[in-house]
């Protein structure tokens, strides 16, 4: 009952550019996260300071990391779609 693949997958000419972009976005996110961790470890009193409304830095920074990840995912998808449309044209 092997039906085979549902769709034929060809060569992705944009895979190199997509991988490179993914690595850069990973490095950016990891750097921001490392700053968050460093503040928490080296100067944990700072995380308790109220910075936005009634919320402290830890909460604001934590939600900021979540929002940053979502935004970076959307940017990655948008840029990679452009790469795929440009480099994987049917001939």
C-alpha atoms as a PDB file:
ATOM      1  CA  UNK A   1       0.000   0.000   0.000  1.00  0.00           C
ATOM      2  CA  UNK A   2       2.860   2.357  -0.630  1.00  0.00           C
ATOM      3  CA  UNK A   3       1.475   5.304  -2.524  1.00  0.00           C
ATOM      4  CA  UNK A   4       4.746   7.210  -2.733  1.00  0.00           C
ATOM      5  CA  UNK A   5       5.199  10.885  -2.035  1.00  0.00           C
ATOM      6  CA  UNK A   6       2.200  13.173  -2.344  1.00  0.00           C
ATOM      7  CA  UNK A   7       4.213  15.779  -4.216  1.00  0.00           C
ATOM      8  CA  UNK A   8       7.410  15.625  -6.202  1.00  0.00           C
ATOM      9  CA  UNK A   9      10.115  17.615  -4.484  1.00  0.00           C
ATOM     10  CA  UNK A  10      12.733  19.168  -6.680  1.00  0.00           C
ATOM     11  CA  UNK A  11      16.019  20.846  -5.938  1.00  0.00           C
ATOM     12  CA  UNK A  12      15.767  23.917  -3.725  1.00  0.00           C
ATOM     13  CA  UNK A  13      18.178  26.434  -5.221  1.00  0.00           C
ATOM     14  CA  UNK A  14      17.511  28.825  -2.339  1.00  0.00           C
ATOM     15  CA  UNK A  15      18.480  26.416   0.439  1.00  0.00           C
ATOM     16  CA  UNK A  16      21.957  27.903   0.881  1.00  0.00           C
ATOM     17  CA  UNK A  17      20.670  31.442   1.280  1.00  0.00           C
ATOM     18  CA  UNK A  18      17.880  30.291   3.587  1.00  0.00           C
ATOM     19  CA  UNK A  19      20.333  28.398   5.777  1.00  0.00           C
ATOM     20  CA  UNK A  20      22.678  31.381   5.973  1.00  0.00           C
ATOM     21  CA  UNK A  21      19.806  33.690   6.939  1.00  0.00           C
ATOM     22  CA  UNK A  22      18.639  31.182   9.542  1.00  0.00           C
ATOM     23  CA  UNK A  23      22.091  31.056  11.105  1.00  0.00           C
ATOM     24  CA  UNK A  24      22.291  34.861  11.306  1.00  0.00           C
ATOM     25  CA  UNK A  25      18.863  35.116  12.905  1.00  0.00           C
ATOM     26  CA  UNK A  26      19.823  32.358  15.352  1.00  0.00           C
ATOM     27  CA  UNK A  27      22.996  34.246  16.306  1.00  0.00           C
ATOM     28  CA  UNK A  28      21.000  37.452  16.795  1.00  0.00           C
ATOM     29  CA  UNK A  29      18.399  35.755  19.004  1.00  0.00           C
ATOM     30  CA  UNK A  30      21.044  33.872  20.970  1.00  0.00           C
ATOM     31  CA  UNK A  31      22.886  37.137  21.638  1.00  0.00           C
ATOM     32  CA  UNK A  32      19.746  38.847  22.930  1.00  0.00           C
ATOM     33  CA  UNK A  33      18.920  35.795  25.064  1.00  0.00           C
ATOM     34  CA  UNK A  34      22.489  35.690  26.420  1.00  0.00           C
ATOM     35  CA  UNK A  35      22.117  39.318  27.524  1.00  0.00           C
ATOM     36  CA  UNK A  36      18.885  38.366  29.314  1.00  0.00           C
ATOM     37  CA  UNK A  37      20.607  35.469  31.083  1.00  0.00           C
ATOM     38  CA  UNK A  38      23.687  37.557  31.912  1.00  0.00           C
ATOM     39  CA  UNK A  39      21.558  40.239  33.555  1.00  0.00           C
ATOM     40  CA  UNK A  40      19.740  37.560  35.536  1.00  0.00           C
ATOM     41  CA  UNK A  41      22.961  35.939  36.716  1.00  0.00           C
ATOM     42  CA  UNK A  42      25.304  38.879  37.185  1.00  0.00           C
ATOM     43  CA  UNK A  43      22.914  41.607  38.288  1.00  0.00           C
ATOM     44  CA  UNK A  44      19.674  39.939  39.330  1.00  0.00           C
ATOM     45  CA  UNK A  45      18.469  43.004  41.270  1.00  0.00           C
ATOM     46  CA  UNK A  46      18.099  44.789  37.937  1.00  0.00           C
ATOM     47  CA  UNK A  47      15.511  42.224  36.820  1.00  0.00           C
ATOM     48  CA  UNK A  48      13.238  43.351  39.652  1.00  0.00           C
ATOM     49  CA  UNK A  49      13.138  47.004  38.619  1.00  0.00           C
ATOM     50  CA  UNK A  50       9.829  48.317  37.316  1.00  0.00           C
ATOM     51  CA  UNK A  51      10.315  49.425  33.708  1.00  0.00           C
ATOM     52  CA  UNK A  52       6.911  49.407  31.988  1.00  0.00           C
ATOM     53  CA  UNK A  53       3.652  50.053  33.770  1.00  0.00           C
ATOM     54  CA  UNK A  54       3.650  47.746  36.786  1.00  0.00           C
ATOM     55  CA  UNK A  55       5.907  45.138  35.167  1.00  0.00           C
ATOM     56  CA  UNK A  56       9.514  44.496  36.058  1.00  0.00           C
ATOM     57  CA  UNK A  57      12.391  44.053  33.632  1.00  0.00           C
ATOM     58  CA  UNK A  58      12.283  40.251  33.833  1.00  0.00           C
ATOM     59  CA  UNK A  59       8.674  40.092  32.640  1.00  0.00           C
ATOM     60  CA  UNK A  60       9.099  42.761  29.965  1.00  0.00           C
ATOM     61  CA  UNK A  61      12.344  41.234  28.686  1.00  0.00           C
ATOM     62  CA  UNK A  62      10.831  37.732  28.729  1.00  0.00           C
ATOM     63  CA  UNK A  63       7.785  38.770  26.726  1.00  0.00           C
ATOM     64  CA  UNK A  64      10.095  40.776  24.480  1.00  0.00           C
ATOM     65  CA  UNK A  65      12.022  37.596  23.702  1.00  0.00           C
ATOM     66  CA  UNK A  66       8.798  35.836  22.752  1.00  0.00           C
ATOM     67  CA  UNK A  67       7.692  38.718  20.521  1.00  0.00           C
ATOM     68  CA  UNK A  68      11.178  38.913  18.982  1.00  0.00           C
ATOM     69  CA  UNK A  69      11.054  35.207  18.107  1.00  0.00           C
ATOM     70  CA  UNK A  70       7.667  35.614  16.415  1.00  0.00           C
ATOM     71  CA  UNK A  71       8.793  38.688  14.472  1.00  0.00           C
ATOM     72  CA  UNK A  72      12.017  36.987  13.414  1.00  0.00           C
ATOM     73  CA  UNK A  73      10.027  33.961  12.225  1.00  0.00           C
ATOM     74  CA  UNK A  74       7.780  36.165  10.113  1.00  0.00           C
ATOM     75  CA  UNK A  75      10.779  38.012   8.667  1.00  0.00           C
ATOM     76  CA  UNK A  76      12.514  34.705   7.913  1.00  0.00           C
ATOM     77  CA  UNK A  77       9.421  33.400   6.129  1.00  0.00           C
ATOM     78  CA  UNK A  78       8.989  36.608   4.120  1.00  0.00           C
ATOM     79  CA  UNK A  79      12.635  36.766   3.013  1.00  0.00           C
ATOM     80  CA  UNK A  80      12.842  33.037   2.244  1.00  0.00           C
ATOM     81  CA  UNK A  81       9.681  33.190   0.152  1.00  0.00           C
ATOM     82  CA  UNK A  82      11.363  35.891  -1.914  1.00  0.00           C
ATOM     83  CA  UNK A  83      14.490  33.745  -2.293  1.00  0.00           C
ATOM     84  CA  UNK A  84      12.407  30.760  -3.385  1.00  0.00           C
ATOM     85  CA  UNK A  85      10.374  32.762  -5.877  1.00  0.00           C
ATOM     86  CA  UNK A  86      13.531  34.269  -7.359  1.00  0.00           C
ATOM     87  CA  UNK A  87      15.800  31.208  -7.430  1.00  0.00           C
ATOM     88  CA  UNK A  88      13.359  28.336  -7.997  1.00  0.00           C
ATOM     89  CA  UNK A  89      11.539  29.588 -11.089  1.00  0.00           C
ATOM     90  CA  UNK A  90      10.056  26.942 -13.361  1.00  0.00           C
ATOM     91  CA  UNK A  91      11.862  26.819 -16.668  1.00  0.00           C
END
